[in-house]
């Protein structure tokens, strides 16, 4: 079994036993209550045949927080043959939480 963190780290360009290649990408934006919201989706294909989709959404609402709120989701959309990926999805409400998760499971 492979941990999803290996695939996320490859997407982020960090050390990983996996290699990722961007397969497709889309970006949408809209205005909500006077603020711009940007949604992105990228699908990555890996050297072992797995496909992982990364979805993000962030607005330009001013924030004094050290780590601005945003929504990040990774989902395994195709498993690697013979090596299931676990967990099959993970979500975060900030880049700081994503970074913590990556550090915790990569060690």
PDB file of N, CA and C in Angstrom:
ATOM      1  N   UNK A   1       0.841  -1.170   0.000  1.00  0.00           N
ATOM      2  CA  UNK A   1       0.000   0.000   0.000  1.00  0.00           C
ATOM      3  C   UNK A   1       0.896   1.246   0.000  1.00  0.00           C
ATOM      4  N   UNK A   2       0.515   2.251  -0.781  1.00  0.00           N
ATOM      5  CA  UNK A   2       1.252   3.506  -0.851  1.00  0.00           C
ATOM      6  C   UNK A   2       0.463   4.592  -0.142  1.00  0.00           C
ATOM      7  N   UNK A   3       1.164   5.496   0.514  1.00  0.00           N
ATOM      8  CA  UNK A   3       0.488   6.592   1.194  1.00  0.00           C
ATOM      9  C   UNK A   3       0.310   7.758   0.230  1.00  0.00           C
ATOM     10  N   UNK A   4      -0.842   8.401   0.312  1.00  0.00           N
ATOM     11  CA  UNK A   4      -1.159   9.532  -0.550  1.00  0.00           C
ATOM     12  C   UNK A   4      -0.132  10.652  -0.435  1.00  0.00           C
ATOM     13  N   UNK A   5       0.525  10.784   0.701  1.00  0.00           N
ATOM     14  CA  UNK A   5       1.515  11.860   0.869  1.00  0.00           C
ATOM     15  C   UNK A   5       2.628  11.764  -0.175  1.00  0.00           C
ATOM     16  N   UNK A   6       2.986  10.560  -0.607  1.00  0.00           N
ATOM     17  CA  UNK A   6       4.032  10.416  -1.627  1.00  0.00           C
ATOM     18  C   UNK A   6       3.611  11.059  -2.945  1.00  0.00           C
ATOM     19  N   UNK A   7       2.344  10.974  -3.263  1.00  0.00           N
ATOM     20  CA  UNK A   7       1.809  11.540  -4.502  1.00  0.00           C
ATOM     21  C   UNK A   7       1.664  13.060  -4.380  1.00  0.00           C
ATOM     22  N   UNK A   8       1.192  13.515  -3.218  1.00  0.00           N
ATOM     23  CA  UNK A   8       1.068  14.953  -2.979  1.00  0.00           C
ATOM     24  C   UNK A   8       2.447  15.613  -3.013  1.00  0.00           C
ATOM     25  N   UNK A   9       3.433  14.993  -2.393  1.00  0.00           N
ATOM     26  CA  UNK A   9       4.789  15.554  -2.413  1.00  0.00           C
ATOM     27  C   UNK A   9       5.333  15.632  -3.838  1.00  0.00           C
ATOM     28  N   UNK A  10       5.058  14.636  -4.647  1.00  0.00           N
ATOM     29  CA  UNK A  10       5.502  14.674  -6.047  1.00  0.00           C
ATOM     30  C   UNK A  10       4.821  15.822  -6.787  1.00  0.00           C
ATOM     31  N   UNK A  11       3.546  16.032  -6.542  1.00  0.00           N
ATOM     32  CA  UNK A  11       2.823  17.145  -7.163  1.00  0.00           C
ATOM     33  C   UNK A  11       3.446  18.472  -6.755  1.00  0.00           C
ATOM     34  N   UNK A  12       3.817  18.571  -5.483  1.00  0.00           N
ATOM     35  CA  UNK A  12       4.382  19.814  -4.958  1.00  0.00           C
ATOM     36  C   UNK A  12       5.871  19.992  -5.296  1.00  0.00           C
ATOM     37  N   UNK A  13       6.468  19.007  -5.920  1.00  0.00           N
ATOM     38  CA  UNK A  13       7.887  19.104  -6.276  1.00  0.00           C
ATOM     39  C   UNK A  13       8.833  18.795  -5.133  1.00  0.00           C
ATOM     40  N   UNK A  14       8.326  18.149  -4.093  1.00  0.00           N
ATOM     41  CA  UNK A  14       9.148  17.760  -2.942  1.00  0.00           C
ATOM     42  C   UNK A  14       9.672  16.342  -3.151  1.00  0.00           C
ATOM     43  N   UNK A  15      10.692  15.951  -2.366  1.00  0.00           N
ATOM     44  CA  UNK A  15      11.214  14.592  -2.498  1.00  0.00           C
ATOM     45  C   UNK A  15      10.111  13.543  -2.329  1.00  0.00           C
ATOM     46  N   UNK A  16      10.096  12.572  -3.244  1.00  0.00           N
ATOM     47  CA  UNK A  16       9.069  11.540  -3.244  1.00  0.00           C
ATOM     48  C   UNK A  16       9.548  10.358  -4.075  1.00  0.00           C
ATOM     49  N   UNK A  17       9.108   9.149  -3.710  1.00  0.00           N
ATOM     50  CA  UNK A  17       9.437   7.996  -4.546  1.00  0.00           C
ATOM     51  C   UNK A  17       8.616   7.962  -5.843  1.00  0.00           C
ATOM     52  N   UNK A  18       7.631   8.826  -5.977  1.00  0.00           N
ATOM     53  CA  UNK A  18       6.767   8.889  -7.164  1.00  0.00           C
ATOM     54  C   UNK A  18       7.149  10.072  -8.046  1.00  0.00           C
ATOM     55  N   UNK A  19       6.786   9.978  -9.315  1.00  0.00           N
ATOM     56  CA  UNK A  19       6.998  11.073 -10.269  1.00  0.00           C
ATOM     57  C   UNK A  19       5.653  11.425 -10.885  1.00  0.00           C
ATOM     58  N   UNK A  20       5.373  12.730 -10.931  1.00  0.00           N
ATOM     59  CA  UNK A  20       4.082  13.215 -11.430  1.00  0.00           C
ATOM     60  C   UNK A  20       4.263  13.981 -12.731  1.00  0.00           C
ATOM     61  N   UNK A  21       3.229  13.872 -13.579  1.00  0.00           N
ATOM     62  CA  UNK A  21       3.172  14.658 -14.815  1.00  0.00           C
ATOM     63  C   UNK A  21       1.771  15.225 -14.912  1.00  0.00           C
ATOM     64  N   UNK A  22       1.679  16.535 -15.151  1.00  0.00           N
ATOM     65  CA  UNK A  22       0.379  17.183 -15.277  1.00  0.00           C
ATOM     66  C   UNK A  22      -0.339  16.642 -16.504  1.00  0.00           C
ATOM     67  N   UNK A  23      -1.542  16.129 -16.304  1.00  0.00           N
ATOM     68  CA  UNK A  23      -2.326  15.569 -17.398  1.00  0.00           C
ATOM     69  C   UNK A  23      -3.336  16.582 -17.934  1.00  0.00           C
ATOM     70  N   UNK A  24      -4.001  17.321 -17.020  1.00  0.00           N
ATOM     71  CA  UNK A  24      -4.975  18.326 -17.440  1.00  0.00           C
ATOM     72  C   UNK A  24      -5.116  19.375 -16.355  1.00  0.00           C
ATOM     73  N   UNK A  25      -5.600  20.543 -16.759  1.00  0.00           N
ATOM     74  CA  UNK A  25      -5.734  21.649 -15.824  1.00  0.00           C
ATOM     75  C   UNK A  25      -6.890  22.541 -16.249  1.00  0.00           C
ATOM     76  N   UNK A  26      -7.637  23.050 -15.268  1.00  0.00           N
ATOM     77  CA  UNK A  26      -8.695  24.017 -15.561  1.00  0.00           C
ATOM     78  C   UNK A  26      -8.731  25.053 -14.441  1.00  0.00           C
ATOM     79  N   UNK A  27      -9.213  26.242 -14.808  1.00  0.00           N
ATOM     80  CA  UNK A  27      -9.275  27.346 -13.849  1.00  0.00           C
ATOM     81  C   UNK A  27     -10.541  28.144 -14.120  1.00  0.00           C
ATOM     82  N   UNK A  28     -11.262  28.456 -13.053  1.00  0.00           N
ATOM     83  CA  UNK A  28     -12.471  29.268 -13.141  1.00  0.00           C
ATOM     84  C   UNK A  28     -12.402  30.349 -12.077  1.00  0.00           C
ATOM     85  N   UNK A  29     -13.011  31.483 -12.354  1.00  0.00           N
ATOM     86  CA  UNK A  29     -13.100  32.538 -11.343  1.00  0.00           C
ATOM     87  C   UNK A  29     -14.462  33.206 -11.438  1.00  0.00           C
ATOM     88  N   UNK A  30     -14.912  33.744 -10.306  1.00  0.00           N
ATOM     89  CA  UNK A  30     -16.188  34.439 -10.241  1.00  0.00           C
ATOM     90  C   UNK A  30     -16.123  35.425  -9.082  1.00  0.00           C
ATOM     91  N   UNK A  31     -17.110  36.286  -9.016  1.00  0.00           N
ATOM     92  CA  UNK A  31     -17.194  37.277  -7.953  1.00  0.00           C
ATOM     93  C   UNK A  31     -18.304  36.878  -6.990  1.00  0.00           C
ATOM     94  N   UNK A  32     -17.982  36.918  -5.695  1.00  0.00           N
ATOM     95  CA  UNK A  32     -18.946  36.598  -4.649  1.00  0.00           C
ATOM     96  C   UNK A  32     -18.885  37.700  -3.603  1.00  0.00           C
ATOM     97  N   UNK A  33     -19.937  38.441  -3.455  1.00  0.00           N
ATOM     98  CA  UNK A  33     -20.027  39.534  -2.489  1.00  0.00           C
ATOM     99  C   UNK A  33     -18.861  40.512  -2.643  1.00  0.00           C
ATOM    100  N   UNK A  34     -18.502  40.796  -3.882  1.00  0.00           N
ATOM    101  CA  UNK A  34     -17.457  41.770  -4.166  1.00  0.00           C
ATOM    102  C   UNK A  34     -16.035  41.232  -4.119  1.00  0.00           C
ATOM    103  N   UNK A  35     -15.868  39.953  -3.883  1.00  0.00           N
ATOM    104  CA  UNK A  35     -14.534  39.355  -3.817  1.00  0.00           C
ATOM    105  C   UNK A  35     -14.388  38.300  -4.915  1.00  0.00           C
ATOM    106  N   UNK A  36     -13.193  38.236  -5.475  1.00  0.00           N
ATOM    107  CA  UNK A  36     -12.917  37.268  -6.528  1.00  0.00           C
ATOM    108  C   UNK A  36     -12.564  35.918  -5.916  1.00  0.00           C
ATOM    109  N   UNK A  37     -13.186  34.876  -6.430  1.00  0.00           N
ATOM    110  CA  UNK A  37     -12.915  33.509  -6.008  1.00  0.00           C
ATOM    111  C   UNK A  37     -12.313  32.780  -7.206  1.00  0.00           C
ATOM    112  N   UNK A  38     -11.208  32.084  -6.971  1.00  0.00           N
ATOM    113  CA  UNK A  38     -10.537  31.331  -8.029  1.00  0.00           C
ATOM    114  C   UNK A  38     -10.539  29.852  -7.652  1.00  0.00           C
ATOM    115  N   UNK A  39     -11.012  29.035  -8.578  1.00  0.00           N
ATOM    116  CA  UNK A  39     -11.054  27.590  -8.402  1.00  0.00           C
ATOM    117  C   UNK A  39     -10.165  26.954  -9.474  1.00  0.00           C
ATOM    118  N   UNK A  40      -9.305  26.042  -9.058  1.00  0.00           N
ATOM    119  CA  UNK A  40      -8.422  25.350 -10.003  1.00  0.00           C
ATOM    120  C   UNK A  40      -8.529  23.849  -9.792  1.00  0.00           C
ATOM    121  N   UNK A  41      -8.369  23.124 -10.876  1.00  0.00           N
ATOM    122  CA  UNK A  41      -8.349  21.668 -10.807  1.00  0.00           C
ATOM    123  C   UNK A  41      -7.256  21.162 -11.734  1.00  0.00           C
ATOM    124  N   UNK A  42      -6.378  20.308 -11.198  1.00  0.00           N
ATOM    125  CA  UNK A  42      -5.323  19.691 -11.987  1.00  0.00           C
ATOM    126  C   UNK A  42      -5.356  18.184 -11.757  1.00  0.00           C
ATOM    127  N   UNK A  43      -5.206  17.439 -12.834  1.00  0.00           N
ATOM    128  CA  UNK A  43      -5.104  15.985 -12.745  1.00  0.00           C
ATOM    129  C   UNK A  43      -3.663  15.615 -13.082  1.00  0.00           C
ATOM    130  N   UNK A  44      -3.072  14.790 -12.247  1.00  0.00           N
ATOM    131  CA  UNK A  44      -1.690  14.344 -12.429  1.00  0.00           C
ATOM    132  C   UNK A  44      -1.665  12.840 -12.639  1.00  0.00           C
ATOM    133  N   UNK A  45      -0.877  12.417 -13.613  1.00  0.00           N
ATOM    134  CA  UNK A  45      -0.669  10.990 -13.836  1.00  0.00           C
ATOM    135  C   UNK A  45       0.731  10.660 -13.312  1.00  0.00           C
ATOM    136  N   UNK A  46       0.856   9.505 -12.690  1.00  0.00           N
ATOM    137  CA  UNK A  46       2.096   9.121 -12.026  1.00  0.00           C
ATOM    138  C   UNK A  46       2.791   7.969 -12.741  1.00  0.00           C
ATOM    139  N   UNK A  47       4.053   7.803 -12.417  1.00  0.00           N
ATOM    140  CA  UNK A  47       4.881   6.782 -13.036  1.00  0.00           C
ATOM    141  C   UNK A  47       4.366   5.367 -12.794  1.00  0.00           C
ATOM    142  N   UNK A  48       3.530   5.174 -11.781  1.00  0.00           N
ATOM    143  CA  UNK A  48       2.967   3.847 -11.517  1.00  0.00           C
ATOM    144  C   UNK A  48       1.559   3.676 -12.096  1.00  0.00           C
ATOM    145  N   UNK A  49       1.063   4.674 -12.839  1.00  0.00           N
ATOM    146  CA  UNK A  49      -0.244   4.593 -13.474  1.00  0.00           C
ATOM    147  C   UNK A  49      -1.377   5.228 -12.696  1.00  0.00           C
ATOM    148  N   UNK A  50      -1.127   5.637 -11.453  1.00  0.00           N
ATOM    149  CA  UNK A  50      -2.169   6.278 -10.651  1.00  0.00           C
ATOM    150  C   UNK A  50      -2.469   7.676 -11.206  1.00  0.00           C
ATOM    151  N   UNK A  51      -3.686   8.146 -10.937  1.00  0.00           N
ATOM    152  CA  UNK A  51      -4.065   9.522 -11.261  1.00  0.00           C
ATOM    153  C   UNK A  51      -4.626  10.148  -9.993  1.00  0.00           C
ATOM    154  N   UNK A  52      -4.105  11.337  -9.658  1.00  0.00           N
ATOM    155  CA  UNK A  52      -4.561  12.084  -8.495  1.00  0.00           C
ATOM    156  C   UNK A  52      -4.984  13.467  -8.965  1.00  0.00           C
ATOM    157  N   UNK A  53      -6.158  13.897  -8.514  1.00  0.00           N
ATOM    158  CA  UNK A  53      -6.674  15.212  -8.860  1.00  0.00           C
ATOM    159  C   UNK A  53      -6.510  16.140  -7.659  1.00  0.00           C
ATOM    160  N   UNK A  54      -6.001  17.341  -7.940  1.00  0.00           N
ATOM    161  CA  UNK A  54      -5.848  18.389  -6.914  1.00  0.00           C
ATOM    162  C   UNK A  54      -6.833  19.507  -7.239  1.00  0.00           C
ATOM    163  N   UNK A  55      -7.668  19.856  -6.264  1.00  0.00           N
ATOM    164  CA  UNK A  55      -8.640  20.926  -6.437  1.00  0.00           C
ATOM    165  C   UNK A  55      -8.392  21.991  -5.376  1.00  0.00           C
ATOM    166  N   UNK A  56      -8.377  23.253  -5.782  1.00  0.00           N
ATOM    167  CA  UNK A  56      -8.193  24.347  -4.837  1.00  0.00           C
ATOM    168  C   UNK A  56      -9.231  25.429  -5.096  1.00  0.00           C
ATOM    169  N   UNK A  57      -9.534  26.163  -4.040  1.00  0.00           N
ATOM    170  CA  UNK A  57     -10.418  27.319  -4.149  1.00  0.00           C
ATOM    171  C   UNK A  57      -9.943  28.358  -3.141  1.00  0.00           C
ATOM    172  N   UNK A  58      -9.779  29.585  -3.623  1.00  0.00           N
ATOM    173  CA  UNK A  58      -9.309  30.648  -2.750  1.00  0.00           C
ATOM    174  C   UNK A  58      -9.933  31.963  -3.187  1.00  0.00           C
ATOM    175  N   UNK A  59     -10.242  32.799  -2.191  1.00  0.00           N
ATOM    176  CA  UNK A  59     -10.790  34.112  -2.513  1.00  0.00           C
ATOM    177  C   UNK A  59      -9.772  35.190  -2.139  1.00  0.00           C
ATOM    178  N   UNK A  60     -10.066  36.429  -2.534  1.00  0.00           N
ATOM    179  CA  UNK A  60      -9.148  37.527  -2.246  1.00  0.00           C
ATOM    180  C   UNK A  60      -9.626  38.379  -1.066  1.00  0.00           C
ATOM    181  N   UNK A  61     -10.438  37.775  -0.184  1.00  0.00           N
ATOM    182  CA  UNK A  61     -10.909  38.477   1.003  1.00  0.00           C
ATOM    183  C   UNK A  61      -9.713  38.802   1.886  1.00  0.00           C
ATOM    184  N   UNK A  62      -9.561  40.075   2.302  1.00  0.00           N
ATOM    185  CA  UNK A  62      -8.404  40.440   3.135  1.00  0.00           C
ATOM    186  C   UNK A  62      -8.399  39.665   4.458  1.00  0.00           C
ATOM    187  N   UNK A  63      -7.231  39.228   4.852  1.00  0.00           N
ATOM    188  CA  UNK A  63      -7.087  38.460   6.086  1.00  0.00           C
ATOM    189  C   UNK A  63      -5.771  38.812   6.753  1.00  0.00           C
ATOM    190  N   UNK A  64      -5.819  38.924   8.072  1.00  0.00           N
ATOM    191  CA  UNK A  64      -4.599  39.175   8.842  1.00  0.00           C
ATOM    192  C   UNK A  64      -4.035  37.876   9.407  1.00  0.00           C
ATOM    193  N   UNK A  65      -4.661  36.764   9.085  1.00  0.00           N
ATOM    194  CA  UNK A  65      -4.214  35.468   9.587  1.00  0.00           C
ATOM    195  C   UNK A  65      -2.854  35.116   9.003  1.00  0.00           C
ATOM    196  N   UNK A  66      -2.066  34.410   9.792  1.00  0.00           N
ATOM    197  CA  UNK A  66      -0.750  33.983   9.333  1.00  0.00           C
ATOM    198  C   UNK A  66      -0.863  33.037   8.143  1.00  0.00           C
ATOM    199  N   UNK A  67      -1.933  32.280   8.116  1.00  0.00           N
ATOM    200  CA  UNK A  67      -2.161  31.343   7.019  1.00  0.00           C
ATOM    201  C   UNK A  67      -3.584  31.553   6.515  1.00  0.00           C
ATOM    202  N   UNK A  68      -3.703  32.154   5.363  1.00  0.00           N
ATOM    203  CA  UNK A  68      -5.001  32.486   4.798  1.00  0.00           C
ATOM    204  C   UNK A  68      -5.828  31.243   4.527  1.00  0.00           C
ATOM    205  N   UNK A  69      -7.113  31.361   4.805  1.00  0.00           N
ATOM    206  CA  UNK A  69      -8.029  30.253   4.546  1.00  0.00           C
ATOM    207  C   UNK A  69      -8.157  30.010   3.043  1.00  0.00           C
ATOM    208  N   UNK A  70      -8.097  28.763   2.665  1.00  0.00           N
ATOM    209  CA  UNK A  70      -8.344  28.328   1.295  1.00  0.00           C
ATOM    210  C   UNK A  70      -8.789  26.873   1.393  1.00  0.00           C
ATOM    211  N   UNK A  71      -9.225  26.301   0.290  1.00  0.00           N
ATOM    212  CA  UNK A  71      -9.703  24.926   0.309  1.00  0.00           C
ATOM    213  C   UNK A  71      -8.859  24.126  -0.677  1.00  0.00           C
ATOM    214  N   UNK A  72      -8.301  23.058  -0.172  1.00  0.00           N
ATOM    215  CA  UNK A  72      -7.420  22.193  -0.970  1.00  0.00           C
ATOM    216  C   UNK A  72      -7.915  20.760  -0.797  1.00  0.00           C
ATOM    217  N   UNK A  73      -8.040  20.067  -1.911  1.00  0.00           N
ATOM    218  CA  UNK A  73      -8.510  18.673  -1.855  1.00  0.00           C
ATOM    219  C   UNK A  73      -7.712  17.843  -2.859  1.00  0.00           C
ATOM    220  N   UNK A  74      -7.288  16.670  -2.422  1.00  0.00           N
ATOM    221  CA  UNK A  74      -6.640  15.695  -3.280  1.00  0.00           C
ATOM    222  C   UNK A  74      -7.528  14.460  -3.308  1.00  0.00           C
ATOM    223  N   UNK A  75      -7.687  13.901  -4.498  1.00  0.00           N
ATOM    224  CA  UNK A  75      -8.508  12.701  -4.629  1.00  0.00           C
ATOM    225  C   UNK A  75      -7.855  11.739  -5.617  1.00  0.00           C
ATOM    226  N   UNK A  76      -7.738  10.488  -5.211  1.00  0.00           N
ATOM    227  CA  UNK A  76      -7.224   9.455  -6.103  1.00  0.00           C
ATOM    228  C   UNK A  76      -8.353   9.103  -7.060  1.00  0.00           C
ATOM    229  N   UNK A  77      -8.163   9.397  -8.341  1.00  0.00           N
ATOM    230  CA  UNK A  77      -9.211   9.102  -9.322  1.00  0.00           C
ATOM    231  C   UNK A  77      -8.921   7.816 -10.092  1.00  0.00           C
ATOM    232  N   UNK A  78      -7.684   7.325 -10.005  1.00  0.00           N
ATOM    233  CA  UNK A  78      -7.356   6.003 -10.538  1.00  0.00           C
ATOM    234  C   UNK A  78      -6.232   5.421  -9.680  1.00  0.00           C
ATOM    235  N   UNK A  79      -6.470   4.243  -9.152  1.00  0.00           N
ATOM    236  CA  UNK A  79      -5.475   3.567  -8.322  1.00  0.00           C
ATOM    237  C   UNK A  79      -4.346   3.004  -9.183  1.00  0.00           C
ATOM    238  N   UNK A  80      -3.175   2.898  -8.580  1.00  0.00           N
ATOM    239  CA  UNK A  80      -2.049   2.242  -9.231  1.00  0.00           C
ATOM    240  C   UNK A  80      -2.316   0.736  -9.226  1.00  0.00           C
ATOM    241  N   UNK A  81      -2.079   0.047 -10.343  1.00  0.00           N
ATOM    242  CA  UNK A  81      -2.295  -1.402 -10.375  1.00  0.00           C
ATOM    243  C   UNK A  81      -1.419  -2.117  -9.335  1.00  0.00           C
ATOM    244  N   UNK A  82      -2.047  -2.899  -8.484  1.00  0.00           N
ATOM    245  CA  UNK A  82      -1.316  -3.711  -7.514  1.00  0.00           C
ATOM    246  C   UNK A  82      -0.757  -2.968  -6.320  1.00  0.00           C
ATOM    247  N   UNK A  83      -0.964  -1.653  -6.221  1.00  0.00           N
ATOM    248  CA  UNK A  83      -0.442  -0.890  -5.085  1.00  0.00           C
ATOM    249  C   UNK A  83      -1.453   0.185  -4.698  1.00  0.00           C
ATOM    250  N   UNK A  84      -2.496  -0.195  -3.961  1.00  0.00           N
ATOM    251  CA  UNK A  84      -3.525   0.776  -3.610  1.00  0.00           C
ATOM    252  C   UNK A  84      -2.964   1.955  -2.816  1.00  0.00           C
ATOM    253  N   UNK A  85      -3.544   3.114  -3.064  1.00  0.00           N
ATOM    254  CA  UNK A  85      -3.145   4.346  -2.388  1.00  0.00           C
ATOM    255  C   UNK A  85      -4.129   4.603  -1.255  1.00  0.00           C
ATOM    256  N   UNK A  86      -3.577   4.943  -0.096  1.00  0.00           N
ATOM    257  CA  UNK A  86      -4.406   5.211   1.074  1.00  0.00           C
ATOM    258  C   UNK A  86      -3.899   6.446   1.787  1.00  0.00           C
ATOM    259  N   UNK A  87      -4.711   7.354   2.240  1.00  0.00           N
ATOM    260  CA  UNK A  87      -6.143   7.427   2.002  1.00  0.00           C
ATOM    261  C   UNK A  87      -6.428   7.776   0.543  1.00  0.00           C
ATOM    262  N   UNK A  88      -7.661   7.639   0.125  1.00  0.00           N
ATOM    263  CA  UNK A  88      -8.000   7.929  -1.267  1.00  0.00           C
ATOM    264  C   UNK A  88      -8.361   9.394  -1.477  1.00  0.00           C
ATOM    265  N   UNK A  89      -8.552  10.127  -0.386  1.00  0.00           N
ATOM    266  CA  UNK A  89      -8.798  11.562  -0.499  1.00  0.00           C
ATOM    267  C   UNK A  89      -8.423  12.250   0.804  1.00  0.00           C
ATOM    268  N   UNK A  90      -8.095  13.528   0.698  1.00  0.00           N
ATOM    269  CA  UNK A  90      -7.769  14.334   1.870  1.00  0.00           C
ATOM    270  C   UNK A  90      -8.096  15.788   1.534  1.00  0.00           C
ATOM    271  N   UNK A  91      -8.591  16.521   2.540  1.00  0.00           N
ATOM    272  CA  UNK A  91      -8.972  17.915   2.343  1.00  0.00           C
ATOM    273  C   UNK A  91      -8.353  18.784   3.428  1.00  0.00           C
ATOM    274  N   UNK A  92      -8.058  20.033   3.078  1.00  0.00           N
ATOM    275  CA  UNK A  92      -7.471  20.997   4.008  1.00  0.00           C
ATOM    276  C   UNK A  92      -8.174  22.334   3.849  1.00  0.00           C
ATOM    277  N   UNK A  93      -8.169  23.138   4.924  1.00  0.00           N
ATOM    278  CA  UNK A  93      -8.751  24.469   4.828  1.00  0.00           C
ATOM    279  C   UNK A  93      -7.700  25.573   4.838  1.00  0.00           C
ATOM    280  N   UNK A  94      -6.432  25.194   4.688  1.00  0.00           N
ATOM    281  CA  UNK A  94      -5.352  26.165   4.537  1.00  0.00           C
ATOM    282  C   UNK A  94      -4.096  25.449   4.044  1.00  0.00           C
ATOM    283  N   UNK A  95      -3.217  26.220   3.433  1.00  0.00           N
ATOM    284  CA  UNK A  95      -1.941  25.662   2.970  1.00  0.00           C
ATOM    285  C   UNK A  95      -1.076  25.250   4.164  1.00  0.00           C
ATOM    286  N   UNK A  96      -1.256  25.895   5.311  1.00  0.00           N
ATOM    287  CA  UNK A  96      -0.493  25.530   6.510  1.00  0.00           C
ATOM    288  C   UNK A  96      -0.870  24.131   6.995  1.00  0.00           C
ATOM    289  N   UNK A  97      -2.155  23.816   6.972  1.00  0.00           N
ATOM    290  CA  UNK A  97      -2.595  22.476   7.392  1.00  0.00           C
ATOM    291  C   UNK A  97      -2.107  21.410   6.407  1.00  0.00           C
ATOM    292  N   UNK A  98      -2.107  21.757   5.125  1.00  0.00           N
ATOM    293  CA  UNK A  98      -1.584  20.832   4.123  1.00  0.00           C
ATOM    294  C   UNK A  98      -0.104  20.567   4.378  1.00  0.00           C
ATOM    295  N   UNK A  99       0.665  21.625   4.629  1.00  0.00           N
ATOM    296  CA  UNK A  99       2.105  21.484   4.872  1.00  0.00           C
ATOM    297  C   UNK A  99       2.375  20.639   6.118  1.00  0.00           C
ATOM    298  N   UNK A 100       1.587  20.844   7.172  1.00  0.00           N
ATOM    299  CA  UNK A 100       1.747  20.045   8.391  1.00  0.00           C
ATOM    300  C   UNK A 100       1.488  18.568   8.099  1.00  0.00           C
ATOM    301  N   UNK A 101       0.401  18.273   7.380  1.00  0.00           N
ATOM    302  CA  UNK A 101       0.059  16.898   7.028  1.00  0.00           C
ATOM    303  C   UNK A 101       1.189  16.256   6.230  1.00  0.00           C
ATOM    304  N   UNK A 102       1.729  17.000   5.280  1.00  0.00           N
ATOM    305  CA  UNK A 102       2.821  16.468   4.456  1.00  0.00           C
ATOM    306  C   UNK A 102       4.046  16.153   5.314  1.00  0.00           C
ATOM    307  N   UNK A 103       4.403  17.062   6.221  1.00  0.00           N
ATOM    308  CA  UNK A 103       5.562  16.817   7.098  1.00  0.00           C
ATOM    309  C   UNK A 103       5.322  15.623   8.023  1.00  0.00           C
ATOM    310  N   UNK A 104       4.131  15.536   8.584  1.00  0.00           N
ATOM    311  CA  UNK A 104       3.808  14.471   9.532  1.00  0.00           C
ATOM    312  C   UNK A 104       3.907  13.087   8.883  1.00  0.00           C
ATOM    313  N   UNK A 105       3.328  12.939   7.689  1.00  0.00           N
ATOM    314  CA  UNK A 105       3.291  11.617   7.068  1.00  0.00           C
ATOM    315  C   UNK A 105       4.510  11.303   6.220  1.00  0.00           C
ATOM    316  N   UNK A 106       5.301  12.295   5.882  1.00  0.00           N
ATOM    317  CA  UNK A 106       6.501  12.044   5.086  1.00  0.00           C
ATOM    318  C   UNK A 106       7.656  11.564   5.954  1.00  0.00           C
ATOM    319  N   UNK A 107       7.548  11.749   7.284  1.00  0.00           N
ATOM    320  CA  UNK A 107       8.660  11.339   8.147  1.00  0.00           C
ATOM    321  C   UNK A 107       8.681   9.870   8.409  1.00  0.00           C
TER     322      UNK A 107
END
